[in-house]
PDB file of all heavy atoms in Angstrom:
ATOM      1  N   ALA A   1     -42.437  35.549 -33.198  1.00  0.00           N
ATOM      2  CA  ALA A   1     -42.140  36.259 -32.050  1.00  0.00           C
ATOM      3  C   ALA A   1     -40.995  35.680 -31.280  1.00  0.00           C
ATOM      4  O   ALA A   1     -40.864  34.443 -31.303  1.00  0.00           O
ATOM      5  CB  ALA A   1     -43.408  36.458 -31.123  1.00  0.00           C
ATOM      6  N   ASP A   2     -40.251  36.426 -30.617  1.00  0.00           N
ATOM      7  CA  ASP A   2     -38.982  35.913 -29.871  1.00  0.00           C
ATOM      8  C   ASP A   2     -39.482  34.888 -28.878  1.00  0.00           C
ATOM      9  O   ASP A   2     -38.798  33.898 -28.519  1.00  0.00           O
ATOM     10  CB  ASP A   2     -38.237  37.053 -29.186  1.00  0.00           C
ATOM     11  CG  ASP A   2     -37.448  37.939 -30.165  1.00  0.00           C
ATOM     12  OD1 ASP A   2     -37.252  37.449 -31.325  1.00  0.00           O
ATOM     13  OD2 ASP A   2     -37.117  39.049 -29.843  1.00  0.00           O
ATOM     14  N   SER A   3     -40.600  35.058 -28.308  1.00  0.00           N
ATOM     15  CA  SER A   3     -41.086  34.246 -27.193  1.00  0.00           C
ATOM     16  C   SER A   3     -41.377  32.836 -27.573  1.00  0.00           C
ATOM     17  O   SER A   3     -41.619  31.931 -26.820  1.00  0.00           O
ATOM     18  CB  SER A   3     -42.343  34.864 -26.504  1.00  0.00           C
ATOM     19  OG  SER A   3     -43.454  34.996 -27.457  1.00  0.00           O
ATOM     20  N   VAL A   4     -41.518  32.610 -28.921  1.00  0.00           N
ATOM     21  CA  VAL A   4     -41.931  31.194 -29.409  1.00  0.00           C
ATOM     22  C   VAL A   4     -40.970  30.664 -30.310  1.00  0.00           C
ATOM     23  O   VAL A   4     -41.107  29.490 -30.880  1.00  0.00           O
ATOM     24  CB  VAL A   4     -43.315  31.281 -30.118  1.00  0.00           C
ATOM     25  CG1 VAL A   4     -44.388  31.938 -29.166  1.00  0.00           C
ATOM     26  CG2 VAL A   4     -43.316  32.067 -31.364  1.00  0.00           C
ATOM     27  N   LYS A   5     -39.905  31.432 -30.654  1.00  0.00           N
ATOM     28  CA  LYS A   5     -38.880  30.957 -31.625  1.00  0.00           C
ATOM     29  C   LYS A   5     -38.293  29.599 -31.046  1.00  0.00           C
ATOM     30  O   LYS A   5     -38.018  29.447 -29.895  1.00  0.00           O
ATOM     31  CB  LYS A   5     -37.842  31.970 -31.796  1.00  0.00           C
ATOM     32  CG  LYS A   5     -38.090  33.009 -32.786  1.00  0.00           C
ATOM     33  CD  LYS A   5     -36.938  34.014 -32.946  1.00  0.00           C
ATOM     34  CE  LYS A   5     -37.322  35.115 -33.855  1.00  0.00           C
ATOM     35  NZ  LYS A   5     -36.227  36.135 -33.986  1.00  0.00           N
ATOM     36  N   GLY A   6     -38.145  28.584 -31.960  1.00  0.00           N
ATOM     37  CA  GLY A   6     -37.609  27.384 -31.518  1.00  0.00           C
ATOM     38  C   GLY A   6     -38.645  26.416 -30.943  1.00  0.00           C
ATOM     39  O   GLY A   6     -38.332  25.164 -30.818  1.00  0.00           O
ATOM     40  N   ARG A   7     -39.808  26.919 -30.721  1.00  0.00           N
ATOM     41  CA  ARG A   7     -40.833  26.006 -30.115  1.00  0.00           C
ATOM     42  C   ARG A   7     -42.050  25.901 -31.044  1.00  0.00           C
ATOM     43  O   ARG A   7     -42.724  24.830 -31.129  1.00  0.00           O
ATOM     44  CB  ARG A   7     -41.305  26.555 -28.755  1.00  0.00           C
ATOM     45  CG  ARG A   7     -40.241  26.688 -27.686  1.00  0.00           C
ATOM     46  CD  ARG A   7     -40.802  27.027 -26.363  1.00  0.00           C
ATOM     47  NE  ARG A   7     -41.395  28.383 -26.310  1.00  0.00           N
ATOM     48  CZ  ARG A   7     -42.656  28.510 -26.043  1.00  0.00           C
ATOM     49  NH1 ARG A   7     -43.396  27.524 -25.629  1.00  0.00           N
ATOM     50  NH2 ARG A   7     -43.164  29.801 -25.914  1.00  0.00           N
ATOM     51  N   PHE A   8     -42.383  26.959 -31.733  1.00  0.00           N
ATOM     52  CA  PHE A   8     -43.608  26.994 -32.606  1.00  0.00           C
ATOM     53  C   PHE A   8     -43.104  26.895 -34.131  1.00  0.00           C
ATOM     54  O   PHE A   8     -42.066  27.490 -34.440  1.00  0.00           O
ATOM     55  CB  PHE A   8     -44.477  28.222 -32.425  1.00  0.00           C
ATOM     56  CG  PHE A   8     -45.133  28.338 -31.074  1.00  0.00           C
ATOM     57  CD1 PHE A   8     -44.914  27.393 -30.055  1.00  0.00           C
ATOM     58  CD2 PHE A   8     -46.058  29.270 -30.891  1.00  0.00           C
ATOM     59  CE1 PHE A   8     -45.585  27.480 -28.888  1.00  0.00           C
ATOM     60  CE2 PHE A   8     -46.807  29.379 -29.665  1.00  0.00           C
ATOM     61  CZ  PHE A   8     -46.498  28.384 -28.686  1.00  0.00           C
ATOM     62  N   THR A   9     -43.900  26.293 -34.904  1.00  0.00           N
ATOM     63  CA  THR A   9     -43.621  26.220 -36.381  1.00  0.00           C
ATOM     64  C   THR A   9     -44.928  26.567 -37.105  1.00  0.00           C
ATOM     65  O   THR A   9     -45.940  25.825 -36.894  1.00  0.00           O
ATOM     66  CB  THR A   9     -43.168  24.963 -36.732  1.00  0.00           C
ATOM     67  OG1 THR A   9     -41.847  24.661 -36.055  1.00  0.00           O
ATOM     68  CG2 THR A   9     -42.737  24.939 -38.329  1.00  0.00           C
ATOM     69  N   ILE A  10     -44.898  27.512 -37.997  1.00  0.00           N
ATOM     70  CA  ILE A  10     -46.051  27.897 -38.871  1.00  0.00           C
ATOM     71  C   ILE A  10     -45.839  27.347 -40.243  1.00  0.00           C
ATOM     72  O   ILE A  10     -44.681  27.348 -40.721  1.00  0.00           O
ATOM     73  CB  ILE A  10     -46.280  29.389 -38.943  1.00  0.00           C
ATOM     74  CG1 ILE A  10     -47.604  29.659 -39.643  1.00  0.00           C
ATOM     75  CG2 ILE A  10     -45.154  30.161 -39.518  1.00  0.00           C
ATOM     76  CD1 ILE A  10     -48.030  31.228 -39.564  1.00  0.00           C
ATOM     77  N   SER A  11     -46.874  26.722 -40.741  1.00  0.00           N
ATOM     78  CA  SER A  11     -46.704  26.254 -42.219  1.00  0.00           C
ATOM     79  C   SER A  11     -48.030  26.386 -42.875  1.00  0.00           C
ATOM     80  O   SER A  11     -49.078  26.697 -42.248  1.00  0.00           O
ATOM     81  CB  SER A  11     -46.296  24.745 -42.109  1.00  0.00           C
ATOM     82  OG  SER A  11     -47.265  23.999 -41.445  1.00  0.00           O
ATOM     83  N   ARG A  12     -48.060  26.089 -44.246  1.00  0.00           N
ATOM     84  CA  ARG A  12     -49.307  26.285 -44.987  1.00  0.00           C
ATOM     85  C   ARG A  12     -49.384  25.172 -46.040  1.00  0.00           C
ATOM     86  O   ARG A  12     -48.384  24.706 -46.503  1.00  0.00           O
ATOM     87  CB  ARG A  12     -49.353  27.584 -45.546  1.00  0.00           C
ATOM     88  CG  ARG A  12     -48.292  27.954 -46.599  1.00  0.00           C
ATOM     89  CD  ARG A  12     -48.332  29.419 -46.925  1.00  0.00           C
ATOM     90  NE  ARG A  12     -49.517  29.869 -47.681  1.00  0.00           N
ATOM     91  CZ  ARG A  12     -49.901  31.068 -47.754  1.00  0.00           C
ATOM     92  NH1 ARG A  12     -49.221  32.090 -47.147  1.00  0.00           N
ATOM     93  NH2 ARG A  12     -50.996  31.398 -48.505  1.00  0.00           N
ATOM     94  N   ASP A  13     -50.599  24.799 -46.349  1.00  0.00           N
ATOM     95  CA  ASP A  13     -50.938  23.907 -47.371  1.00  0.00           C
ATOM     96  C   ASP A  13     -51.804  24.677 -48.409  1.00  0.00           C
ATOM     97  O   ASP A  13     -53.032  24.759 -48.114  1.00  0.00           O
ATOM     98  CB  ASP A  13     -51.553  22.614 -46.821  1.00  0.00           C
ATOM     99  CG  ASP A  13     -51.767  21.537 -47.926  1.00  0.00           C
ATOM    100  OD1 ASP A  13     -51.859  21.926 -49.088  1.00  0.00           O
ATOM    101  OD2 ASP A  13     -51.875  20.420 -47.519  1.00  0.00           O
ATOM    102  N   ASN A  14     -51.244  25.088 -49.448  1.00  0.00           N
ATOM    103  CA  ASN A  14     -52.027  25.916 -50.383  1.00  0.00           C
ATOM    104  C   ASN A  14     -53.149  25.089 -51.149  1.00  0.00           C
ATOM    105  O   ASN A  14     -54.220  25.571 -51.417  1.00  0.00           O
ATOM    106  CB  ASN A  14     -51.173  26.500 -51.447  1.00  0.00           C
ATOM    107  CG  ASN A  14     -50.315  27.582 -50.918  1.00  0.00           C
ATOM    108  OD1 ASN A  14     -50.531  28.146 -49.784  1.00  0.00           O
ATOM    109  ND2 ASN A  14     -49.204  27.912 -51.603  1.00  0.00           N
ATOM    110  N   ALA A  15     -52.904  23.716 -51.267  1.00  0.00           N
ATOM    111  CA  ALA A  15     -53.981  22.908 -51.833  1.00  0.00           C
ATOM    112  C   ALA A  15     -55.169  22.730 -50.946  1.00  0.00           C
ATOM    113  O   ALA A  15     -56.286  22.614 -51.483  1.00  0.00           O
ATOM    114  CB  ALA A  15     -53.444  21.508 -52.184  1.00  0.00           C
ATOM    115  N   GLN A  16     -54.908  22.780 -49.644  1.00  0.00           N
ATOM    116  CA  GLN A  16     -55.973  22.662 -48.628  1.00  0.00           C
ATOM    117  C   GLN A  16     -56.575  24.009 -48.108  1.00  0.00           C
ATOM    118  O   GLN A  16     -57.330  24.036 -47.179  1.00  0.00           O
ATOM    119  CB  GLN A  16     -55.548  21.793 -47.476  1.00  0.00           C
ATOM    120  CG  GLN A  16     -55.158  20.422 -47.874  1.00  0.00           C
ATOM    121  CD  GLN A  16     -56.368  19.569 -48.404  1.00  0.00           C
ATOM    122  OE1 GLN A  16     -57.434  19.749 -47.837  1.00  0.00           O
ATOM    123  NE2 GLN A  16     -56.050  18.710 -49.367  1.00  0.00           N
ATOM    124  N   ASN A  17     -55.916  25.153 -48.532  1.00  0.00           N
ATOM    125  CA  ASN A  17     -56.284  26.482 -48.098  1.00  0.00           C
ATOM    126  C   ASN A  17     -56.242  26.571 -46.540  1.00  0.00           C
ATOM    127  O   ASN A  17     -57.051  27.091 -45.897  1.00  0.00           O
ATOM    128  CB  ASN A  17     -57.721  26.819 -48.499  1.00  0.00           C
ATOM    129  CG  ASN A  17     -57.849  27.173 -50.041  1.00  0.00           C
ATOM    130  OD1 ASN A  17     -56.780  27.120 -50.688  1.00  0.00           O
ATOM    131  ND2 ASN A  17     -58.961  27.445 -50.406  1.00  0.00           N
ATOM    132  N   THR A  18     -55.147  25.924 -46.027  1.00  0.00           N
ATOM    133  CA  THR A  18     -55.033  25.791 -44.553  1.00  0.00           C
ATOM    134  C   THR A  18     -53.599  26.315 -44.072  1.00  0.00           C
ATOM    135  O   THR A  18     -52.587  25.999 -44.758  1.00  0.00           O
ATOM    136  CB  THR A  18     -55.274  24.325 -44.148  1.00  0.00           C
ATOM    137  OG1 THR A  18     -56.618  23.964 -44.551  1.00  0.00           O
ATOM    138  CG2 THR A  18     -55.158  24.209 -42.636  1.00  0.00           C
ATOM    139  N   VAL A  19     -53.601  26.894 -42.950  1.00  0.00           N
ATOM    140  CA  VAL A  19     -52.377  27.218 -42.300  1.00  0.00           C
ATOM    141  C   VAL A  19     -52.390  26.555 -40.956  1.00  0.00           C
ATOM    142  O   VAL A  19     -53.415  26.403 -40.327  1.00  0.00           O
ATOM    143  CB  VAL A  19     -52.208  28.791 -42.187  1.00  0.00           C
ATOM    144  CG1 VAL A  19     -53.293  29.392 -41.278  1.00  0.00           C
ATOM    145  CG2 VAL A  19     -50.835  29.123 -41.583  1.00  0.00           C
ATOM    146  N   TYR A  20     -51.169  26.134 -40.485  1.00  0.00           N
ATOM    147  CA  TYR A  20     -50.993  25.350 -39.263  1.00  0.00           C
ATOM    148  C   TYR A  20     -50.071  26.115 -38.358  1.00  0.00           C
ATOM    149  O   TYR A  20     -49.233  26.843 -38.716  1.00  0.00           O
ATOM    150  CB  TYR A  20     -50.448  24.040 -39.607  1.00  0.00           C
ATOM    151  CG  TYR A  20     -51.146  23.279 -40.633  1.00  0.00           C
ATOM    152  CD1 TYR A  20     -50.768  23.355 -42.008  1.00  0.00           C
ATOM    153  CD2 TYR A  20     -52.199  22.443 -40.291  1.00  0.00           C
ATOM    154  CE1 TYR A  20     -51.430  22.685 -43.024  1.00  0.00           C
ATOM    155  CE2 TYR A  20     -52.891  21.704 -41.330  1.00  0.00           C
ATOM    156  CZ  TYR A  20     -52.503  21.838 -42.615  1.00  0.00           C
ATOM    157  OH  TYR A  20     -53.114  21.189 -43.639  1.00  0.00           O
ATOM    158  N   LEU A  21     -50.264  25.826 -37.034  1.00  0.00           N
ATOM    159  CA  LEU A  21     -49.289  26.303 -36.035  1.00  0.00           C
ATOM    160  C   LEU A  21     -49.007  25.128 -35.086  1.00  0.00           C
ATOM    161  O   LEU A  21     -49.852  24.707 -34.356  1.00  0.00           O
ATOM    162  CB  LEU A  21     -49.851  27.420 -35.259  1.00  0.00           C
ATOM    163  CG  LEU A  21     -48.851  28.085 -34.249  1.00  0.00           C
ATOM    164  CD1 LEU A  21     -47.685  28.713 -35.033  1.00  0.00           C
ATOM    165  CD2 LEU A  21     -49.537  29.021 -33.351  1.00  0.00           C
ATOM    166  N   GLN A  22     -47.823  24.500 -35.306  1.00  0.00           N
ATOM    167  CA  GLN A  22     -47.352  23.361 -34.546  1.00  0.00           C
ATOM    168  C   GLN A  22     -46.695  24.061 -33.222  1.00  0.00           C
ATOM    169  O   GLN A  22     -45.686  24.821 -33.365  1.00  0.00           O
ATOM    170  CB  GLN A  22     -46.368  22.496 -35.259  1.00  0.00           C
ATOM    171  CG  GLN A  22     -45.705  21.418 -34.343  1.00  0.00           C
ATOM    172  CD  GLN A  22     -46.707  20.384 -33.885  1.00  0.00           C
ATOM    173  OE1 GLN A  22     -47.585  19.927 -34.674  1.00  0.00           O
ATOM    174  NE2 GLN A  22     -46.638  19.996 -32.674  1.00  0.00           N
ATOM    175  N   MET A  23     -47.151  23.716 -32.112  1.00  0.00           N
ATOM    176  CA  MET A  23     -46.634  24.339 -30.814  1.00  0.00           C
ATOM    177  C   MET A  23     -46.115  23.297 -29.970  1.00  0.00           C
ATOM    178  O   MET A  23     -46.869  22.266 -29.559  1.00  0.00           O
ATOM    179  CB  MET A  23     -47.819  25.043 -30.129  1.00  0.00           C
ATOM    180  CG  MET A  23     -48.478  26.099 -31.002  1.00  0.00           C
ATOM    181  SD  MET A  23     -49.740  27.036 -30.021  1.00  0.00           S
ATOM    182  CE  MET A  23     -50.926  25.819 -29.688  1.00  0.00           C
ATOM    183  N   ASN A  24     -44.812  23.236 -29.680  1.00  0.00           N
ATOM    184  CA  ASN A  24     -44.184  22.275 -28.910  1.00  0.00           C
ATOM    185  C   ASN A  24     -43.585  23.034 -27.593  1.00  0.00           C
ATOM    186  O   ASN A  24     -43.491  24.244 -27.511  1.00  0.00           O
ATOM    187  CB  ASN A  24     -43.014  21.684 -29.634  1.00  0.00           C
ATOM    188  CG  ASN A  24     -43.410  20.927 -30.886  1.00  0.00           C
ATOM    189  OD1 ASN A  24     -44.453  20.345 -30.945  1.00  0.00           O
ATOM    190  ND2 ASN A  24     -42.601  20.946 -31.998  1.00  0.00           N
ATOM    191  N   SER A  25     -43.321  22.208 -26.680  1.00  0.00           N
ATOM    192  CA  SER A  25     -42.625  22.648 -25.422  1.00  0.00           C
ATOM    193  C   SER A  25     -43.568  23.761 -24.794  1.00  0.00           C
ATOM    194  O   SER A  25     -43.003  24.867 -24.411  1.00  0.00           O
ATOM    195  CB  SER A  25     -41.221  23.179 -25.615  1.00  0.00           C
ATOM    196  OG  SER A  25     -40.421  22.101 -26.114  1.00  0.00           O
ATOM    197  N   LEU A  26     -44.813  23.490 -24.744  1.00  0.00           N
ATOM    198  CA  LEU A  26     -45.691  24.656 -24.292  1.00  0.00           C
ATOM    199  C   LEU A  26     -45.505  25.004 -22.876  1.00  0.00           C
ATOM    200  O   LEU A  26     -45.124  24.103 -21.974  1.00  0.00           O
ATOM    201  CB  LEU A  26     -47.216  24.171 -24.539  1.00  0.00           C
ATOM    202  CG  LEU A  26     -47.641  24.267 -25.992  1.00  0.00           C
ATOM    203  CD1 LEU A  26     -48.854  23.444 -26.231  1.00  0.00           C
ATOM    204  CD2 LEU A  26     -47.876  25.743 -26.409  1.00  0.00           C
ATOM    205  N   LYS A  27     -45.617  26.295 -22.588  1.00  0.00           N
ATOM    206  CA  LYS A  27     -45.468  26.885 -21.241  1.00  0.00           C
ATOM    207  C   LYS A  27     -46.758  27.444 -20.756  1.00  0.00           C
ATOM    208  O   LYS A  27     -47.649  27.905 -21.589  1.00  0.00           O
ATOM    209  CB  LYS A  27     -44.365  27.903 -21.317  1.00  0.00           C
ATOM    210  CG  LYS A  27     -43.101  27.530 -21.816  1.00  0.00           C
ATOM    211  CD  LYS A  27     -42.142  28.649 -21.948  1.00  0.00           C
ATOM    212  CE  LYS A  27     -40.812  28.249 -22.577  1.00  0.00           C
ATOM    213  NZ  LYS A  27     -39.905  29.432 -22.704  1.00  0.00           N
TER     214      LYS A  27
END
């Protein structure tokens, strides 16, 4: 979403069946 671009990063680890959301510069 435009509101989180540059601040949030989504990633996944298929071996761990896990998805992550790294949130920086939170408002």
